[in-house]
Amino acid sequence: MEDFDDLKIKIRTPEGTPNVPAREDVRITDMAPIVKAADGDAAGELVNRRWSWPGQGGRPVYNVRSEGRDLAAQRCLVLCDGFYEFTDPTDKAQKRLDKWLFTMKEHRWFAMAGIWRDAHVGEAFGLLTMDAGPDVAPYHHRQIIPLPRDKWAAWLDPRTPAADVLQWLPEGMIEVQQVYGKPPAQGAFAL
């Protein structure tokens, strides 16, 4: 809350202070903290919501392409301290994918651009994606969109064009390290 206060973003907690359990990763269908755009300038609502909504055929929609979409409504900031990408194993004898953790160089936690919707499972969010920038491209052709802190209020403001906010971070702002452990069956981000 102090970080949002420092940025002059008024945060409301309409459902009370979210209970965020200590855990290593957030997996698809897990609950996680988001800040939904709220009425008023530079305001948001801190709530817990499900990551992914059921799509066609019941498959979860957890990532949403940002290109070519009207993203003026139902924006949210997805709070995290990192995100993962997976690559083919460097050791071909291994069956597991290599797991890479991406974090922000200057901040212990950050926000990713997301959207939310009301589905039959309740309100849920998805992470927006775009073509990979220079820090992620060696690992994957697409990436989620981490937002610099000076863009958080703009993302919550539906009057701000999405293209003004959804951009690569300058090269070198994202750190990457290989981590070990069983990769999730589907996507994950760190919390």
N, C-alpha and C. Protein backbone atom coordinates (compact mmCIF):
# COMPACT_ATOMS: atom_id res chain seq x y z
N MET A 1 0.83 -1.19 0.00
CA MET A 1 0.00 0.00 0.00
C MET A 1 0.87 1.25 0.00
N GLU A 2 2.00 1.18 0.71
CA GLU A 2 2.90 2.33 0.75
C GLU A 2 3.45 2.64 -0.63
N ASP A 3 3.78 1.62 -1.40
CA ASP A 3 4.30 1.85 -2.75
C ASP A 3 3.26 2.56 -3.62
N PHE A 4 1.99 2.18 -3.50
CA PHE A 4 0.94 2.85 -4.26
C PHE A 4 0.76 4.28 -3.77
N ASP A 5 0.82 4.50 -2.45
CA ASP A 5 0.73 5.86 -1.91
C ASP A 5 1.84 6.74 -2.48
N ASP A 6 3.06 6.19 -2.54
CA ASP A 6 4.19 6.96 -3.08
C ASP A 6 3.95 7.38 -4.52
N LEU A 7 3.17 6.57 -5.27
CA LEU A 7 2.88 6.86 -6.66
C LEU A 7 1.60 7.68 -6.83
N LYS A 8 0.99 8.08 -5.74
CA LYS A 8 -0.25 8.87 -5.74
C LYS A 8 -1.41 8.09 -6.38
N ILE A 9 -1.42 6.77 -6.16
CA ILE A 9 -2.50 5.92 -6.64
C ILE A 9 -3.33 5.54 -5.43
N LYS A 10 -4.58 5.98 -5.42
CA LYS A 10 -5.46 5.67 -4.30
C LYS A 10 -5.94 4.24 -4.43
N ILE A 11 -5.72 3.44 -3.40
CA ILE A 11 -6.12 2.03 -3.40
C ILE A 11 -7.23 1.82 -2.39
N ARG A 12 -8.29 1.19 -2.86
CA ARG A 12 -9.40 0.81 -1.99
C ARG A 12 -9.34 -0.70 -1.79
N THR A 13 -9.90 -1.16 -0.70
CA THR A 13 -9.99 -2.60 -0.43
C THR A 13 -11.46 -2.92 -0.16
N PRO A 14 -12.29 -2.97 -1.21
CA PRO A 14 -13.73 -3.14 -1.01
C PRO A 14 -14.12 -4.47 -0.38
N GLU A 15 -13.25 -5.46 -0.44
CA GLU A 15 -13.53 -6.77 0.14
C GLU A 15 -12.69 -7.03 1.38
N GLY A 16 -12.12 -5.96 1.93
CA GLY A 16 -11.20 -6.09 3.05
C GLY A 16 -9.80 -6.35 2.52
N THR A 17 -8.83 -6.30 3.41
CA THR A 17 -7.45 -6.54 3.00
C THR A 17 -7.32 -7.98 2.50
N PRO A 18 -6.84 -8.17 1.25
CA PRO A 18 -6.74 -9.53 0.72
C PRO A 18 -5.79 -10.39 1.56
N ASN A 19 -6.19 -11.62 1.76
CA ASN A 19 -5.36 -12.60 2.44
C ASN A 19 -4.53 -13.29 1.36
N VAL A 20 -3.26 -13.00 1.32
CA VAL A 20 -2.38 -13.59 0.31
C VAL A 20 -1.50 -14.62 1.01
N PRO A 21 -1.80 -15.89 0.82
CA PRO A 21 -1.01 -16.92 1.50
C PRO A 21 0.42 -16.95 0.97
N ALA A 22 1.35 -17.29 1.85
CA ALA A 22 2.75 -17.43 1.42
C ALA A 22 2.85 -18.65 0.52
N ARG A 23 3.43 -18.47 -0.65
CA ARG A 23 3.63 -19.57 -1.58
C ARG A 23 4.73 -19.20 -2.55
N GLU A 24 5.26 -20.21 -3.19
CA GLU A 24 6.36 -19.99 -4.12
C GLU A 24 5.87 -19.53 -5.49
N ASP A 25 4.82 -20.16 -5.99
CA ASP A 25 4.33 -19.87 -7.34
C ASP A 25 2.82 -19.71 -7.33
N VAL A 26 2.33 -18.95 -8.30
CA VAL A 26 0.90 -18.87 -8.58
C VAL A 26 0.69 -19.66 -9.86
N ARG A 27 -0.21 -20.62 -9.80
CA ARG A 27 -0.50 -21.46 -10.96
C ARG A 27 -1.90 -21.13 -11.48
N ILE A 28 -2.13 -21.52 -12.70
CA ILE A 28 -3.43 -21.29 -13.33
C ILE A 28 -4.53 -21.81 -12.41
N THR A 29 -5.56 -21.03 -12.27
CA THR A 29 -6.76 -21.19 -11.42
C THR A 29 -6.50 -20.82 -9.96
N ASP A 30 -5.26 -20.53 -9.55
CA ASP A 30 -4.99 -20.04 -8.19
C ASP A 30 -5.52 -18.61 -8.05
N MET A 31 -5.79 -18.23 -6.82
CA MET A 31 -6.16 -16.86 -6.50
C MET A 31 -4.88 -16.05 -6.30
N ALA A 32 -4.90 -14.81 -6.74
CA ALA A 32 -3.73 -13.94 -6.61
C ALA A 32 -4.20 -12.49 -6.50
N PRO A 33 -3.37 -11.62 -5.91
CA PRO A 33 -3.77 -10.22 -5.75
C PRO A 33 -3.63 -9.45 -7.05
N ILE A 34 -4.67 -8.67 -7.34
CA ILE A 34 -4.64 -7.75 -8.47
C ILE A 34 -5.18 -6.41 -8.00
N VAL A 35 -4.87 -5.37 -8.76
CA VAL A 35 -5.47 -4.06 -8.55
C VAL A 35 -6.31 -3.77 -9.78
N LYS A 36 -7.63 -3.77 -9.60
CA LYS A 36 -8.56 -3.48 -10.70
C LYS A 36 -8.71 -1.98 -10.84
N ALA A 37 -8.86 -1.53 -12.07
CA ALA A 37 -9.16 -0.12 -12.30
C ALA A 37 -10.49 0.20 -11.63
N ALA A 38 -10.56 1.36 -10.98
CA ALA A 38 -11.78 1.79 -10.29
C ALA A 38 -12.18 3.15 -10.82
N ASP A 39 -13.37 3.57 -10.47
CA ASP A 39 -13.82 4.90 -10.89
C ASP A 39 -12.92 5.95 -10.30
N GLY A 40 -12.65 6.97 -11.08
CA GLY A 40 -11.82 8.08 -10.61
C GLY A 40 -10.42 8.01 -11.18
N ASP A 41 -9.73 9.11 -11.09
CA ASP A 41 -8.37 9.19 -11.62
C ASP A 41 -7.40 8.47 -10.70
N ALA A 42 -6.54 7.69 -11.28
CA ALA A 42 -5.46 7.00 -10.56
C ALA A 42 -5.97 6.31 -9.31
N ALA A 43 -7.00 5.49 -9.49
CA ALA A 43 -7.55 4.75 -8.37
C ALA A 43 -7.64 3.29 -8.73
N GLY A 44 -7.59 2.44 -7.71
CA GLY A 44 -7.70 1.01 -7.96
C GLY A 44 -8.28 0.30 -6.76
N GLU A 45 -8.72 -0.94 -6.98
CA GLU A 45 -9.27 -1.78 -5.93
C GLU A 45 -8.38 -3.01 -5.80
N LEU A 46 -7.81 -3.22 -4.63
CA LEU A 46 -6.97 -4.37 -4.35
C LEU A 46 -7.86 -5.53 -3.94
N VAL A 47 -7.85 -6.60 -4.75
CA VAL A 47 -8.69 -7.77 -4.51
C VAL A 47 -7.92 -9.04 -4.87
N ASN A 48 -8.38 -10.18 -4.41
CA ASN A 48 -7.86 -11.48 -4.85
C ASN A 48 -8.78 -12.01 -5.93
N ARG A 49 -8.20 -12.48 -7.04
CA ARG A 49 -8.99 -13.05 -8.12
C ARG A 49 -8.29 -14.28 -8.68
N ARG A 50 -9.06 -15.08 -9.38
CA ARG A 50 -8.58 -16.31 -10.00
C ARG A 50 -7.78 -15.97 -11.24
N TRP A 51 -6.64 -16.67 -11.42
CA TRP A 51 -5.86 -16.51 -12.65
C TRP A 51 -6.41 -17.49 -13.67
N SER A 52 -7.10 -17.00 -14.65
CA SER A 52 -7.66 -17.68 -15.82
C SER A 52 -9.16 -17.83 -15.71
N TRP A 53 -9.80 -17.75 -16.84
CA TRP A 53 -11.22 -18.04 -16.95
C TRP A 53 -11.38 -19.15 -17.99
N PRO A 54 -12.46 -19.91 -17.90
CA PRO A 54 -12.67 -20.99 -18.87
C PRO A 54 -12.94 -20.42 -20.27
N GLY A 55 -12.21 -20.92 -21.24
CA GLY A 55 -12.41 -20.51 -22.62
C GLY A 55 -13.20 -21.56 -23.38
N GLN A 56 -13.13 -21.48 -24.70
CA GLN A 56 -13.82 -22.45 -25.54
C GLN A 56 -13.32 -23.85 -25.24
N GLY A 57 -14.23 -24.77 -25.12
CA GLY A 57 -13.86 -26.15 -24.83
C GLY A 57 -13.38 -26.36 -23.41
N GLY A 58 -13.53 -25.34 -22.55
CA GLY A 58 -13.13 -25.47 -21.16
C GLY A 58 -11.66 -25.21 -20.89
N ARG A 59 -10.86 -25.00 -21.93
CA ARG A 59 -9.42 -24.72 -21.72
C ARG A 59 -9.26 -23.35 -21.05
N PRO A 60 -8.36 -23.25 -20.09
CA PRO A 60 -8.21 -21.97 -19.39
C PRO A 60 -7.57 -20.89 -20.26
N VAL A 61 -8.11 -19.69 -20.16
CA VAL A 61 -7.52 -18.52 -20.82
C VAL A 61 -6.74 -17.81 -19.73
N TYR A 62 -5.41 -17.86 -19.82
CA TYR A 62 -4.58 -17.25 -18.79
C TYR A 62 -3.67 -16.17 -19.36
N ASN A 63 -3.35 -16.24 -20.64
CA ASN A 63 -2.60 -15.20 -21.35
C ASN A 63 -3.47 -14.68 -22.48
N VAL A 64 -3.41 -13.37 -22.71
CA VAL A 64 -4.23 -12.73 -23.73
C VAL A 64 -3.33 -11.84 -24.58
N ARG A 65 -3.34 -12.07 -25.90
CA ARG A 65 -2.55 -11.21 -26.80
C ARG A 65 -3.06 -9.77 -26.71
N SER A 66 -2.14 -8.83 -26.59
CA SER A 66 -2.53 -7.43 -26.48
C SER A 66 -2.72 -6.77 -27.84
N GLU A 67 -2.04 -7.29 -28.85
CA GLU A 67 -2.09 -6.65 -30.16
C GLU A 67 -3.49 -6.71 -30.78
N GLY A 68 -3.91 -5.57 -31.34
CA GLY A 68 -5.17 -5.51 -32.07
C GLY A 68 -6.42 -5.58 -31.20
N ARG A 69 -6.32 -5.33 -29.92
CA ARG A 69 -7.48 -5.40 -29.03
C ARG A 69 -7.80 -4.02 -28.45
N ASP A 70 -9.09 -3.82 -28.22
CA ASP A 70 -9.52 -2.63 -27.51
C ASP A 70 -9.38 -2.94 -26.02
N LEU A 71 -8.43 -2.32 -25.40
CA LEU A 71 -8.13 -2.62 -23.99
C LEU A 71 -8.43 -1.42 -23.09
N ALA A 72 -9.52 -0.73 -23.39
CA ALA A 72 -9.86 0.46 -22.60
C ALA A 72 -10.59 0.11 -21.30
N ALA A 73 -11.15 -1.09 -21.21
CA ALA A 73 -11.94 -1.44 -20.03
C ALA A 73 -11.38 -2.68 -19.35
N GLN A 74 -11.72 -2.84 -18.09
CA GLN A 74 -11.40 -4.01 -17.28
C GLN A 74 -9.89 -4.28 -17.19
N ARG A 75 -9.14 -3.23 -17.03
CA ARG A 75 -7.69 -3.34 -16.86
C ARG A 75 -7.37 -3.68 -15.41
N CYS A 76 -6.23 -4.34 -15.22
CA CYS A 76 -5.78 -4.60 -13.86
C CYS A 76 -4.25 -4.70 -13.84
N LEU A 77 -3.71 -4.48 -12.66
CA LEU A 77 -2.30 -4.71 -12.38
C LEU A 77 -2.21 -6.03 -11.64
N VAL A 78 -1.39 -6.94 -12.12
CA VAL A 78 -1.20 -8.24 -11.48
C VAL A 78 0.09 -8.15 -10.68
N LEU A 79 0.00 -8.26 -9.36
CA LEU A 79 1.13 -8.05 -8.47
C LEU A 79 1.96 -9.32 -8.36
N CYS A 80 3.28 -9.17 -8.48
CA CYS A 80 4.16 -10.35 -8.44
C CYS A 80 5.58 -9.92 -8.11
N ASP A 81 6.44 -10.91 -7.93
CA ASP A 81 7.87 -10.60 -7.80
C ASP A 81 8.69 -11.29 -8.89
N GLY A 82 8.01 -11.94 -9.83
CA GLY A 82 8.71 -12.56 -10.94
C GLY A 82 7.75 -13.34 -11.82
N PHE A 83 8.25 -13.76 -12.98
CA PHE A 83 7.49 -14.62 -13.87
C PHE A 83 8.45 -15.61 -14.50
N TYR A 84 7.90 -16.71 -15.01
CA TYR A 84 8.72 -17.79 -15.56
C TYR A 84 8.53 -17.95 -17.06
N GLU A 85 9.55 -18.43 -17.70
CA GLU A 85 9.48 -18.97 -19.06
C GLU A 85 10.21 -20.31 -19.02
N PHE A 86 9.87 -21.17 -19.95
CA PHE A 86 10.44 -22.52 -20.00
C PHE A 86 11.01 -22.76 -21.39
N THR A 87 12.17 -23.41 -21.44
CA THR A 87 12.82 -23.72 -22.71
C THR A 87 13.13 -25.21 -22.77
N ASP A 88 13.42 -25.69 -23.97
CA ASP A 88 13.85 -27.08 -24.10
C ASP A 88 15.06 -27.30 -23.23
N PRO A 89 15.20 -28.49 -22.66
CA PRO A 89 16.32 -28.74 -21.76
C PRO A 89 17.67 -28.63 -22.46
N THR A 90 18.63 -27.97 -21.81
CA THR A 90 19.98 -27.91 -22.36
C THR A 90 20.66 -29.26 -22.25
N ASP A 91 20.30 -30.01 -21.20
CA ASP A 91 20.80 -31.37 -21.03
C ASP A 91 19.75 -32.30 -21.65
N LYS A 92 20.02 -32.81 -22.83
CA LYS A 92 19.03 -33.61 -23.56
C LYS A 92 18.66 -34.90 -22.84
N ALA A 93 19.46 -35.34 -21.86
CA ALA A 93 19.12 -36.52 -21.08
C ALA A 93 17.97 -36.24 -20.11
N GLN A 94 17.76 -34.96 -19.83
CA GLN A 94 16.68 -34.54 -18.92
C GLN A 94 15.36 -34.49 -19.69
N LYS A 95 14.29 -34.82 -19.04
CA LYS A 95 12.97 -34.72 -19.67
C LYS A 95 12.29 -33.41 -19.31
N ARG A 96 12.73 -32.80 -18.22
CA ARG A 96 12.12 -31.56 -17.77
C ARG A 96 12.61 -30.38 -18.59
N LEU A 97 11.72 -29.43 -18.76
CA LEU A 97 12.09 -28.18 -19.40
C LEU A 97 12.98 -27.37 -18.48
N ASP A 98 13.85 -26.54 -19.05
CA ASP A 98 14.62 -25.60 -18.25
C ASP A 98 13.68 -24.47 -17.82
N LYS A 99 13.79 -24.07 -16.56
CA LYS A 99 12.91 -23.07 -15.96
C LYS A 99 13.72 -21.80 -15.70
N TRP A 100 13.23 -20.66 -16.18
CA TRP A 100 13.91 -19.38 -16.06
C TRP A 100 13.02 -18.40 -15.30
N LEU A 101 13.58 -17.76 -14.29
CA LEU A 101 12.86 -16.77 -13.49
C LEU A 101 13.29 -15.37 -13.93
N PHE A 102 12.31 -14.55 -14.26
CA PHE A 102 12.54 -13.16 -14.67
C PHE A 102 12.06 -12.24 -13.56
N THR A 103 12.93 -11.34 -13.12
CA THR A 103 12.60 -10.39 -12.06
C THR A 103 13.00 -8.99 -12.52
N MET A 104 12.49 -7.99 -11.82
CA MET A 104 12.85 -6.60 -12.11
C MET A 104 14.14 -6.27 -11.38
N LYS A 105 15.04 -5.66 -12.09
CA LYS A 105 16.36 -5.35 -11.54
C LYS A 105 16.28 -4.41 -10.33
N GLU A 106 15.42 -3.42 -10.38
CA GLU A 106 15.44 -2.37 -9.36
C GLU A 106 14.36 -2.50 -8.29
N HIS A 107 13.45 -3.47 -8.42
CA HIS A 107 12.33 -3.56 -7.47
C HIS A 107 12.11 -5.00 -7.04
N ARG A 108 11.83 -5.21 -5.77
CA ARG A 108 11.60 -6.57 -5.28
C ARG A 108 10.26 -7.11 -5.72
N TRP A 109 9.31 -6.26 -6.04
CA TRP A 109 8.04 -6.69 -6.61
C TRP A 109 7.61 -5.68 -7.66
N PHE A 110 6.72 -6.11 -8.54
CA PHE A 110 6.28 -5.24 -9.63
C PHE A 110 4.87 -5.64 -10.06
N ALA A 111 4.40 -5.03 -11.11
CA ALA A 111 3.06 -5.34 -11.62
C ALA A 111 3.16 -5.69 -13.10
N MET A 112 2.34 -6.66 -13.49
CA MET A 112 2.21 -7.03 -14.90
C MET A 112 0.87 -6.50 -15.39
N ALA A 113 0.81 -6.15 -16.67
CA ALA A 113 -0.44 -5.68 -17.26
C ALA A 113 -1.39 -6.86 -17.42
N GLY A 114 -2.62 -6.66 -16.98
CA GLY A 114 -3.63 -7.70 -17.11
C GLY A 114 -4.98 -7.11 -17.42
N ILE A 115 -5.90 -8.02 -17.72
CA ILE A 115 -7.31 -7.66 -17.86
C ILE A 115 -8.11 -8.65 -17.02
N TRP A 116 -9.30 -8.26 -16.63
CA TRP A 116 -10.16 -9.14 -15.87
C TRP A 116 -11.51 -9.21 -16.55
N ARG A 117 -12.23 -10.26 -16.24
CA ARG A 117 -13.59 -10.39 -16.75
C ARG A 117 -14.41 -11.19 -15.76
N ASP A 118 -15.71 -11.03 -15.88
CA ASP A 118 -16.62 -11.79 -15.04
C ASP A 118 -17.01 -13.04 -15.83
N ALA A 119 -16.70 -14.19 -15.30
CA ALA A 119 -17.00 -15.46 -15.94
C ALA A 119 -17.89 -16.27 -15.01
N HIS A 120 -18.36 -17.41 -15.46
CA HIS A 120 -19.23 -18.21 -14.60
C HIS A 120 -18.50 -18.74 -13.37
N VAL A 121 -17.17 -18.63 -13.34
CA VAL A 121 -16.39 -19.02 -12.15
C VAL A 121 -16.15 -17.82 -11.24
N GLY A 122 -16.73 -16.67 -11.57
CA GLY A 122 -16.50 -15.43 -10.84
C GLY A 122 -15.52 -14.57 -11.61
N GLU A 123 -15.16 -13.45 -11.04
CA GLU A 123 -14.19 -12.58 -11.71
C GLU A 123 -12.84 -13.29 -11.77
N ALA A 124 -12.18 -13.16 -12.92
CA ALA A 124 -10.89 -13.80 -13.14
C ALA A 124 -10.03 -12.86 -13.98
N PHE A 125 -8.71 -13.06 -13.95
CA PHE A 125 -7.82 -12.21 -14.72
C PHE A 125 -6.94 -13.03 -15.64
N GLY A 126 -6.45 -12.35 -16.67
CA GLY A 126 -5.48 -12.93 -17.59
C GLY A 126 -4.32 -11.96 -17.74
N LEU A 127 -3.16 -12.47 -18.07
CA LEU A 127 -1.97 -11.65 -18.29
C LEU A 127 -1.89 -11.26 -19.75
N LEU A 128 -1.62 -9.99 -20.01
CA LEU A 128 -1.45 -9.55 -21.39
C LEU A 128 -0.05 -9.92 -21.89
N THR A 129 0.03 -10.25 -23.17
CA THR A 129 1.30 -10.62 -23.78
C THR A 129 1.56 -9.78 -25.03
N MET A 130 2.82 -9.77 -25.43
CA MET A 130 3.25 -9.10 -26.66
C MET A 130 4.49 -9.82 -27.18
N ASP A 131 4.94 -9.45 -28.37
CA ASP A 131 6.19 -10.02 -28.87
C ASP A 131 7.29 -9.75 -27.85
N ALA A 132 8.21 -10.68 -27.73
CA ALA A 132 9.25 -10.57 -26.70
C ALA A 132 10.21 -9.41 -26.97
N GLY A 133 10.57 -8.74 -25.89
CA GLY A 133 11.57 -7.67 -25.94
C GLY A 133 12.97 -8.24 -25.79
N PRO A 134 13.98 -7.37 -25.74
CA PRO A 134 15.37 -7.83 -25.76
C PRO A 134 15.77 -8.71 -24.57
N ASP A 135 15.19 -8.53 -23.40
CA ASP A 135 15.58 -9.34 -22.25
C ASP A 135 14.94 -10.73 -22.25
N VAL A 136 13.80 -10.88 -22.91
CA VAL A 136 13.07 -12.15 -22.90
C VAL A 136 13.27 -12.94 -24.18
N ALA A 137 13.53 -12.26 -25.30
CA ALA A 137 13.61 -12.92 -26.61
C ALA A 137 14.57 -14.12 -26.66
N PRO A 138 15.69 -14.13 -25.94
CA PRO A 138 16.54 -15.32 -25.99
C PRO A 138 15.86 -16.58 -25.40
N TYR A 139 14.75 -16.41 -24.69
CA TYR A 139 14.09 -17.53 -24.00
C TYR A 139 12.72 -17.87 -24.59
N HIS A 140 12.04 -16.89 -25.15
CA HIS A 140 10.69 -17.13 -25.67
C HIS A 140 10.34 -16.05 -26.68
N HIS A 141 9.47 -16.37 -27.64
CA HIS A 141 9.09 -15.40 -28.68
C HIS A 141 8.00 -14.42 -28.23
N ARG A 142 7.31 -14.73 -27.12
CA ARG A 142 6.28 -13.85 -26.56
C ARG A 142 6.65 -13.59 -25.11
N GLN A 143 6.06 -12.56 -24.54
CA GLN A 143 6.30 -12.28 -23.13
C GLN A 143 5.09 -11.61 -22.51
N ILE A 144 4.98 -11.76 -21.18
CA ILE A 144 4.00 -10.97 -20.46
C ILE A 144 4.54 -9.54 -20.43
N ILE A 145 3.75 -8.61 -19.92
CA ILE A 145 4.14 -7.20 -20.00
C ILE A 145 4.33 -6.62 -18.60
N PRO A 146 5.59 -6.64 -18.09
CA PRO A 146 5.84 -5.96 -16.82
C PRO A 146 5.76 -4.45 -17.04
N LEU A 147 5.16 -3.77 -16.09
CA LEU A 147 5.00 -2.32 -16.22
C LEU A 147 5.93 -1.59 -15.27
N PRO A 148 6.63 -0.56 -15.78
CA PRO A 148 7.40 0.27 -14.84
C PRO A 148 6.43 1.01 -13.93
N ARG A 149 6.86 1.31 -12.73
CA ARG A 149 5.98 1.93 -11.74
C ARG A 149 5.36 3.24 -12.22
N ASP A 150 6.08 3.99 -13.04
CA ASP A 150 5.52 5.26 -13.51
C ASP A 150 4.40 5.07 -14.53
N LYS A 151 4.10 3.82 -14.93
CA LYS A 151 3.00 3.54 -15.87
C LYS A 151 1.79 2.89 -15.18
N TRP A 152 1.89 2.59 -13.88
CA TRP A 152 0.79 1.91 -13.20
C TRP A 152 -0.50 2.73 -13.22
N ALA A 153 -0.42 4.00 -12.87
CA ALA A 153 -1.62 4.84 -12.85
C ALA A 153 -2.20 4.97 -14.26
N ALA A 154 -1.34 5.10 -15.25
CA ALA A 154 -1.81 5.22 -16.63
C ALA A 154 -2.55 3.95 -17.06
N TRP A 155 -2.04 2.77 -16.66
CA TRP A 155 -2.71 1.53 -17.05
C TRP A 155 -4.09 1.43 -16.38
N LEU A 156 -4.23 1.92 -15.18
CA LEU A 156 -5.52 1.88 -14.49
C LEU A 156 -6.51 2.90 -15.04
N ASP A 157 -6.04 3.87 -15.79
CA ASP A 157 -6.89 4.92 -16.35
C ASP A 157 -7.36 4.50 -17.75
N PRO A 158 -8.65 4.18 -17.93
CA PRO A 158 -9.12 3.70 -19.23
C PRO A 158 -9.02 4.74 -20.35
N ARG A 159 -8.80 6.00 -19.99
CA ARG A 159 -8.65 7.04 -21.02
C ARG A 159 -7.28 7.02 -21.67
N THR A 160 -6.31 6.38 -21.02
CA THR A 160 -4.96 6.30 -21.56
C THR A 160 -4.91 5.20 -22.62
N PRO A 161 -4.50 5.51 -23.84
CA PRO A 161 -4.42 4.47 -24.87
C PRO A 161 -3.46 3.36 -24.44
N ALA A 162 -3.88 2.13 -24.66
CA ALA A 162 -3.07 0.97 -24.27
C ALA A 162 -1.67 1.04 -24.90
N ALA A 163 -1.57 1.48 -26.13
CA ALA A 163 -0.28 1.53 -26.82
C ALA A 163 0.71 2.47 -26.13
N ASP A 164 0.20 3.44 -25.36
CA ASP A 164 1.09 4.34 -24.63
C ASP A 164 1.72 3.66 -23.40
N VAL A 165 1.14 2.55 -22.98
CA VAL A 165 1.59 1.89 -21.75
C VAL A 165 2.27 0.54 -22.04
N LEU A 166 1.71 -0.21 -22.97
CA LEU A 166 2.17 -1.58 -23.22
C LEU A 166 3.38 -1.58 -24.15
N GLN A 167 4.54 -1.46 -23.54
CA GLN A 167 5.79 -1.38 -24.29
C GLN A 167 6.85 -2.20 -23.57
N TRP A 168 7.90 -2.56 -24.32
CA TRP A 168 9.02 -3.25 -23.70
C TRP A 168 9.68 -2.34 -22.68
N LEU A 169 10.22 -2.95 -21.67
CA LEU A 169 11.07 -2.21 -20.74
C LEU A 169 12.42 -2.00 -21.42
N PRO A 170 13.14 -0.97 -21.05
CA PRO A 170 14.48 -0.79 -21.61
C PRO A 170 15.35 -2.02 -21.34
N GLU A 171 16.19 -2.34 -22.29
CA GLU A 171 17.05 -3.51 -22.16
C GLU A 171 17.86 -3.43 -20.86
N GLY A 172 17.94 -4.55 -20.17
CA GLY A 172 18.69 -4.64 -18.93
C GLY A 172 17.86 -4.43 -17.67
N MET A 173 16.58 -4.07 -17.79
CA MET A 173 15.74 -3.87 -16.60
C MET A 173 15.22 -5.19 -16.02
N ILE A 174 15.22 -6.24 -16.85
CA ILE A 174 14.75 -7.54 -16.38
C ILE A 174 15.96 -8.45 -16.20
N GLU A 175 16.04 -9.05 -15.01
CA GLU A 175 17.11 -10.01 -14.74
C GLU A 175 16.55 -11.41 -14.92
N VAL A 176 17.40 -12.33 -15.34
CA VAL A 176 16.98 -13.71 -15.54
C VAL A 176 17.96 -14.65 -14.87
N GLN A 177 17.41 -15.69 -14.28
CA GLN A 177 18.27 -16.73 -13.70
C GLN A 177 17.58 -18.07 -13.87
N GLN A 178 18.36 -19.09 -14.08
CA GLN A 178 17.80 -20.43 -14.18
C GLN A 178 17.48 -20.92 -12.77
N VAL A 179 16.31 -21.48 -12.63
CA VAL A 179 15.90 -22.04 -11.35
C VAL A 179 15.60 -23.52 -11.56
N TYR A 180 15.64 -24.24 -10.49
CA TYR A 180 15.44 -25.67 -10.61
C TYR A 180 14.22 -26.08 -9.83
N GLY A 181 13.65 -27.14 -10.22
CA GLY A 181 12.43 -27.63 -9.61
C GLY A 181 11.47 -28.02 -10.70
N LYS A 182 10.47 -28.73 -10.32
CA LYS A 182 9.51 -29.22 -11.29
C LYS A 182 8.72 -28.07 -11.88
N PRO A 183 8.71 -27.92 -13.20
CA PRO A 183 7.89 -26.87 -13.79
C PRO A 183 6.41 -27.22 -13.65
N PRO A 184 5.56 -26.22 -13.55
CA PRO A 184 4.13 -26.50 -13.44
C PRO A 184 3.60 -27.11 -14.73
N ALA A 185 2.44 -27.77 -14.63
CA ALA A 185 1.84 -28.37 -15.81
C ALA A 185 1.51 -27.29 -16.83
N GLN A 186 1.14 -26.11 -16.37
CA GLN A 186 0.87 -24.98 -17.24
C GLN A 186 1.56 -23.78 -16.63
N GLY A 187 1.26 -22.58 -17.12
CA GLY A 187 1.96 -21.38 -16.72
C GLY A 187 2.04 -21.13 -15.23
N ALA A 188 2.94 -20.24 -14.84
CA ALA A 188 3.08 -19.84 -13.44
C ALA A 188 3.75 -18.49 -13.38
N PHE A 189 3.52 -17.78 -12.31
CA PHE A 189 4.32 -16.60 -12.01
C PHE A 189 4.61 -16.64 -10.53
N ALA A 190 5.61 -15.91 -10.13
CA ALA A 190 6.07 -15.96 -8.74
C ALA A 190 5.37 -14.91 -7.91
N LEU A 191 5.19 -15.20 -6.65
CA LEU A 191 4.56 -14.24 -5.74
C LEU A 191 5.22 -14.34 -4.40
